[in-house]
Amino acid sequence: MKIPIVSVNWLQENINNPELIILDAVLDTPPHDLQIIGARTFDIKNKFSDISTSLPNTLPKPEAFAAEARKLGINKHSKIVVYDTKGIYSSPRAWYLFKSMGHENVWVLDGGFPAWTKEGLATEKVGAKSFREGDFEVHFKSEMFKNKFQILHNVTSKEAIVIDARSSDRFNAETEEPREGLRSGHIPNSVNLPFSQVIKDGHFLPKEELRHILPHQDQPLYFSCGSGITACIDLIAYELISSNNLKAVYDGSWTEWGQDHDLPIEK
């Protein structure tokens, strides 16, 4: 089992590796001025999502992903470290995207940019960069992706446990959904594991603590959340402690499920 995260110390020691590429995983136009030195902007919302759909942050078509990755100078043998400015938030989504596209050499920087700057390590201003086009190749792993029809089938077949990373008040319909037009509640038979419970101070919890709190570690797992971002945080938490390879993300997540009145919900 390949560990999905690396430490700031590891990145500092390996930063001059010519095969290493550091990606700043952003969801919107970067609201920050600084990045880890040498980092490249990985624009999840505008470059690495399917913008032809009304759903946010959904998986891009493999050929589109490959084209954008090549523009960033990413090669098929690149070693990729992704990070974000919150510590652990959007970087697991970038990790998932690369993994689902068949690229194994990708890791999340535990603690992200805050941990890097806390150590006083080198940064630079965010700015436009150009790169020699890479030779990145896609080998799409469809088993890591689930759509609403597969999730609906799973409601009755119960072949996998759906793990919902939203907050408990949203899961239990105790508060309105932040997106207009969405019903409140959760997918029938799903289990709530708010992503905030698997991280602390921008770092993943130690493996011993994760083993203690994560349910259904040896069963097939499908991860869901609001729009497919924080589901990937829970996914990595399980990757840290479980060799179970039967893990996938429901990409439409509650944004899709909650607006479709033909789909069942529980409260």
Protein backbone atom coordinates (compact mmCIF):
# COMPACT_ATOMS: atom_id res chain seq x y z
CA MET A 1 0.00 0.00 0.00
CA LYS A 2 1.47 3.36 -1.06
CA ILE A 3 1.19 6.03 1.64
CA PRO A 4 -0.84 8.92 0.14
CA ILE A 5 0.75 11.78 2.12
CA VAL A 6 4.22 13.24 2.62
CA SER A 7 5.56 15.60 5.26
CA VAL A 8 6.98 19.09 4.87
CA ASN A 9 10.39 17.69 5.80
CA TRP A 10 10.17 15.10 3.02
CA LEU A 11 9.26 17.76 0.47
CA GLN A 12 12.08 20.02 1.60
CA GLU A 13 14.59 17.17 1.23
CA ASN A 14 13.32 16.19 -2.24
CA ILE A 15 12.44 19.58 -3.70
CA ASN A 16 15.36 19.54 -6.15
CA ASN A 17 14.42 16.17 -7.65
CA PRO A 18 14.04 16.91 -11.39
CA GLU A 19 11.06 14.52 -11.60
CA LEU A 20 9.21 16.29 -8.75
CA ILE A 21 6.34 18.65 -9.55
CA ILE A 22 4.59 20.65 -6.83
CA LEU A 23 0.97 21.65 -7.46
CA ASP A 24 -0.99 24.34 -5.62
CA ALA A 25 -4.51 22.88 -5.67
CA VAL A 26 -6.91 25.82 -5.87
CA LEU A 27 -10.68 25.78 -6.24
CA ASP A 28 -11.17 29.36 -7.41
CA THR A 29 -9.00 32.16 -8.69
CA PRO A 30 -6.17 32.06 -6.15
CA PRO A 31 -7.02 34.40 -3.27
CA HIS A 32 -3.43 34.09 -2.07
CA ASP A 33 -0.28 35.87 -3.20
CA LEU A 34 2.34 33.33 -2.14
CA GLN A 35 3.05 29.73 -3.01
CA ILE A 36 5.69 27.12 -2.27
CA ILE A 37 8.73 27.91 -4.35
CA GLY A 38 8.51 26.26 -7.76
CA ALA A 39 4.81 25.37 -7.40
CA ARG A 40 2.42 25.32 -10.34
CA THR A 41 -1.25 26.32 -10.12
CA PHE A 42 -3.63 23.35 -10.37
CA ASP A 43 -6.97 25.05 -11.05
CA ILE A 44 -9.56 22.48 -9.99
CA LYS A 45 -12.71 24.42 -10.81
CA ASN A 46 -11.77 25.91 -14.20
CA LYS A 47 -9.15 23.55 -15.66
CA PHE A 48 -9.59 20.18 -13.96
CA SER A 49 -13.38 19.87 -13.78
CA ASP A 50 -16.02 19.17 -16.43
CA ILE A 51 -17.29 22.71 -17.01
CA SER A 52 -19.90 21.47 -19.52
CA THR A 53 -22.10 20.17 -16.69
CA SER A 54 -24.14 22.23 -14.24
CA LEU A 55 -22.68 20.28 -11.32
CA PRO A 56 -19.61 21.78 -9.65
CA ASN A 57 -16.15 20.17 -9.55
CA THR A 58 -17.08 17.02 -11.47
CA LEU A 59 -14.54 14.69 -13.02
CA PRO A 60 -13.23 15.98 -16.37
CA LYS A 61 -13.09 13.76 -19.41
CA PRO A 62 -9.80 11.83 -19.38
CA GLU A 63 -8.52 13.38 -22.60
CA ALA A 64 -9.25 16.89 -21.29
CA PHE A 65 -7.46 16.12 -18.03
CA ALA A 66 -4.42 14.82 -19.92
CA ALA A 67 -4.27 17.94 -22.11
CA GLU A 68 -4.34 20.30 -19.12
CA ALA A 69 -1.78 18.20 -17.22
CA ARG A 70 0.59 18.36 -20.20
CA LYS A 71 0.23 22.15 -20.29
CA LEU A 72 1.55 22.19 -16.71
CA GLY A 73 4.62 20.28 -17.89
CA ILE A 74 3.56 17.07 -16.16
CA ASN A 75 5.07 13.87 -17.53
CA LYS A 76 4.02 10.25 -17.24
CA HIS A 77 6.95 9.64 -14.85
CA SER A 78 6.48 12.80 -12.79
CA LYS A 79 6.38 12.58 -9.01
CA ILE A 80 3.60 14.93 -7.95
CA VAL A 81 3.03 16.58 -4.56
CA VAL A 82 -0.23 18.54 -4.18
CA TYR A 83 -0.99 21.01 -1.42
CA ASP A 84 -3.51 23.70 -0.53
CA THR A 85 -3.56 26.88 1.52
CA LYS A 86 -5.86 25.51 4.24
CA GLY A 87 -3.68 22.56 5.21
CA ILE A 88 -5.97 19.76 4.10
CA TYR A 89 -8.96 20.73 1.98
CA SER A 90 -8.75 20.80 -1.82
CA SER A 91 -5.45 18.92 -2.21
CA PRO A 92 -7.04 15.48 -1.63
CA ARG A 93 -9.35 16.21 -4.58
CA ALA A 94 -6.32 16.82 -6.81
CA TRP A 95 -4.77 13.60 -5.48
CA TYR A 96 -7.97 11.69 -6.31
CA LEU A 97 -8.09 13.13 -9.82
CA PHE A 98 -4.58 11.92 -10.60
CA LYS A 99 -5.22 8.51 -9.04
CA SER A 100 -8.45 8.06 -10.97
CA MET A 101 -6.56 8.95 -14.16
CA GLY A 102 -4.11 6.14 -13.43
CA HIS A 103 -1.15 8.19 -12.16
CA GLU A 104 0.22 6.46 -9.08
CA ASN A 105 3.10 8.77 -8.14
CA VAL A 106 1.07 11.47 -6.40
CA TRP A 107 0.99 12.55 -2.75
CA VAL A 108 -0.73 15.17 -0.58
CA LEU A 109 1.45 17.50 1.49
CA ASP A 110 0.25 16.94 5.05
CA GLY A 111 -0.30 20.34 6.65
CA GLY A 112 -0.13 22.08 3.28
CA PHE A 113 1.06 25.65 2.85
CA PRO A 114 0.54 26.62 6.53
CA ALA A 115 2.90 23.83 7.66
CA TRP A 116 5.45 24.87 5.01
CA THR A 117 5.49 28.52 6.07
CA LYS A 118 5.49 27.59 9.76
CA GLU A 119 8.89 26.03 9.15
CA GLY A 120 10.07 29.21 7.46
CA LEU A 121 10.66 27.45 4.14
CA ALA A 122 11.02 29.15 0.76
CA THR A 123 8.01 30.73 -0.94
CA GLU A 124 7.48 32.92 -4.00
CA LYS A 125 4.77 35.14 -5.45
CA VAL A 126 1.99 33.49 -7.42
CA GLY A 127 2.28 34.45 -11.06
CA ALA A 128 1.76 33.28 -14.62
CA LYS A 129 4.19 30.60 -15.74
CA SER A 130 4.71 28.62 -18.92
CA PHE A 131 6.16 25.13 -19.19
CA ARG A 132 7.52 22.79 -21.79
CA GLU A 133 4.60 20.51 -22.66
CA GLY A 134 4.72 17.22 -20.82
CA ASP A 135 3.97 13.71 -22.02
CA PHE A 136 1.39 12.84 -19.33
CA GLU A 137 -0.75 9.82 -20.16
CA VAL A 138 -4.17 8.83 -18.81
CA HIS A 139 -5.19 5.29 -17.86
CA PHE A 140 -8.64 5.99 -16.49
CA LYS A 141 -9.72 3.83 -13.54
CA SER A 142 -13.49 3.84 -13.90
CA GLU A 143 -13.85 1.77 -10.73
CA MET A 144 -12.83 4.84 -8.67
CA PHE A 145 -15.79 6.85 -10.03
CA LYS A 146 -19.49 6.31 -9.23
CA ASN A 147 -22.52 8.03 -10.74
CA LYS A 148 -26.01 8.47 -9.31
CA PHE A 149 -27.35 5.34 -10.99
CA GLN A 150 -24.65 3.19 -9.40
CA ILE A 151 -25.32 4.81 -6.03
CA LEU A 152 -29.07 4.25 -6.44
CA HIS A 153 -28.44 0.59 -7.25
CA ASN A 154 -26.26 0.36 -4.15
CA VAL A 155 -29.14 1.58 -1.94
CA THR A 156 -30.80 -1.81 -2.45
CA SER A 157 -27.83 -4.04 -3.26
CA LYS A 158 -25.77 -2.70 -0.32
CA GLU A 159 -22.59 -3.89 -2.02
CA ALA A 160 -20.73 -0.92 -0.53
CA ILE A 161 -21.04 1.51 2.37
CA VAL A 162 -21.57 5.14 1.38
CA ILE A 163 -19.49 7.46 3.60
CA ASP A 164 -20.85 11.03 3.69
CA ALA A 165 -18.22 13.67 4.59
CA ARG A 166 -20.69 16.52 5.21
CA SER A 167 -21.27 17.95 8.67
CA SER A 168 -23.66 16.01 10.91
CA ASP A 169 -26.28 18.78 10.93
CA ARG A 170 -26.49 18.65 7.14
CA PHE A 171 -26.49 14.85 7.11
CA ASN A 172 -29.30 14.75 9.68
CA ALA A 173 -31.33 17.51 7.97
CA GLU A 174 -31.00 19.76 11.00
CA THR A 175 -29.96 22.71 8.82
CA GLU A 176 -30.65 23.92 5.31
CA GLU A 177 -28.22 23.02 2.54
CA PRO A 178 -25.92 25.91 1.55
CA ARG A 179 -26.80 25.47 -2.13
CA GLU A 180 -30.26 26.69 -3.10
CA GLY A 181 -32.73 24.10 -4.33
CA LEU A 182 -31.26 21.09 -2.52
CA ARG A 183 -33.32 18.87 -0.25
CA SER A 184 -32.00 18.18 3.25
CA GLY A 185 -31.04 14.71 4.44
CA HIS A 186 -28.79 11.93 3.18
CA ILE A 187 -28.56 8.95 0.85
CA PRO A 188 -30.40 5.98 2.41
CA ASN A 189 -28.15 3.63 4.41
CA SER A 190 -25.18 6.01 4.21
CA VAL A 191 -22.87 6.64 7.16
CA ASN A 192 -21.83 10.10 8.33
CA LEU A 193 -18.12 10.83 8.82
CA PRO A 194 -17.61 14.61 8.77
CA PHE A 195 -14.24 15.32 7.16
CA SER A 196 -13.38 17.59 10.09
CA GLN A 197 -13.16 14.50 12.30
CA VAL A 198 -10.20 12.99 10.40
CA ILE A 199 -7.99 16.10 10.46
CA LYS A 200 -6.63 18.40 13.14
CA ASP A 201 -4.77 21.67 12.65
CA GLY A 202 -4.48 21.04 8.93
CA HIS A 203 -2.97 17.57 9.31
CA PHE A 204 -4.47 14.10 9.09
CA LEU A 205 -4.88 12.40 12.45
CA PRO A 206 -2.24 9.79 13.36
CA LYS A 207 -2.96 6.32 12.01
CA GLU A 208 -3.69 4.95 15.48
CA GLU A 209 -6.48 7.49 15.97
CA LEU A 210 -7.87 6.91 12.47
CA ARG A 211 -8.03 3.16 13.10
CA HIS A 212 -10.06 3.87 16.21
CA ILE A 213 -12.63 6.22 14.63
CA LEU A 214 -13.12 5.01 11.05
CA PRO A 215 -16.03 2.58 10.57
CA HIS A 216 -16.31 -0.24 7.99
CA GLN A 217 -12.58 -0.31 7.22
CA ASP A 218 -12.63 -3.64 5.38
CA GLN A 219 -15.77 -3.13 3.29
CA PRO A 220 -16.18 -1.58 -0.18
CA LEU A 221 -16.62 2.17 0.31
CA TYR A 222 -18.17 4.93 -1.78
CA PHE A 223 -17.43 8.49 -0.62
CA SER A 224 -19.81 11.43 -0.95
CA CYS A 225 -20.04 15.02 0.31
CA GLY A 226 -21.49 18.29 -1.01
CA SER A 227 -19.74 18.51 -4.37
CA GLY A 228 -17.01 15.85 -4.46
CA ILE A 229 -14.24 17.80 -2.69
CA THR A 230 -14.26 16.81 0.98
CA ALA A 231 -15.26 13.23 0.14
CA CYS A 232 -11.65 12.87 -1.00
CA ILE A 233 -10.42 13.84 2.47
CA ASP A 234 -12.29 10.90 3.98
CA LEU A 235 -11.00 8.69 1.17
CA ILE A 236 -7.38 9.48 2.00
CA ALA A 237 -8.04 8.93 5.71
CA TYR A 238 -9.07 5.37 4.85
CA GLU A 239 -6.12 4.98 2.48
CA LEU A 240 -3.80 5.74 5.40
CA ILE A 241 -4.96 2.73 7.39
CA SER A 242 -6.63 0.30 5.00
CA SER A 243 -5.28 -1.83 2.17
CA ASN A 244 -8.87 -2.27 0.94
CA ASN A 245 -8.76 -1.25 -2.73
CA LEU A 246 -12.54 -1.05 -3.16
CA LYS A 247 -12.91 2.71 -2.71
CA ALA A 248 -14.65 5.17 -5.04
CA VAL A 249 -16.06 8.70 -5.03
CA TYR A 250 -19.66 9.55 -5.90
CA ASP A 251 -18.73 12.52 -8.01
CA GLY A 252 -22.11 14.28 -8.20
CA SER A 253 -22.46 13.94 -4.41
CA TRP A 254 -25.27 15.76 -2.58
CA THR A 255 -25.44 18.60 -5.12
CA GLU A 256 -26.73 16.07 -7.63
CA TRP A 257 -28.63 13.75 -5.27
CA GLY A 258 -30.30 16.51 -3.28
CA GLN A 259 -31.79 18.25 -6.32
CA ASP A 260 -33.19 15.13 -8.00
CA HIS A 261 -36.63 14.46 -6.51
CA ASP A 262 -36.74 11.01 -8.12
CA LEU A 263 -33.94 9.86 -5.80
CA PRO A 264 -34.73 8.63 -2.27
CA ILE A 265 -33.48 10.39 0.85
CA GLU A 266 -33.43 9.76 4.57
CA LYS A 267 -33.63 12.34 7.34
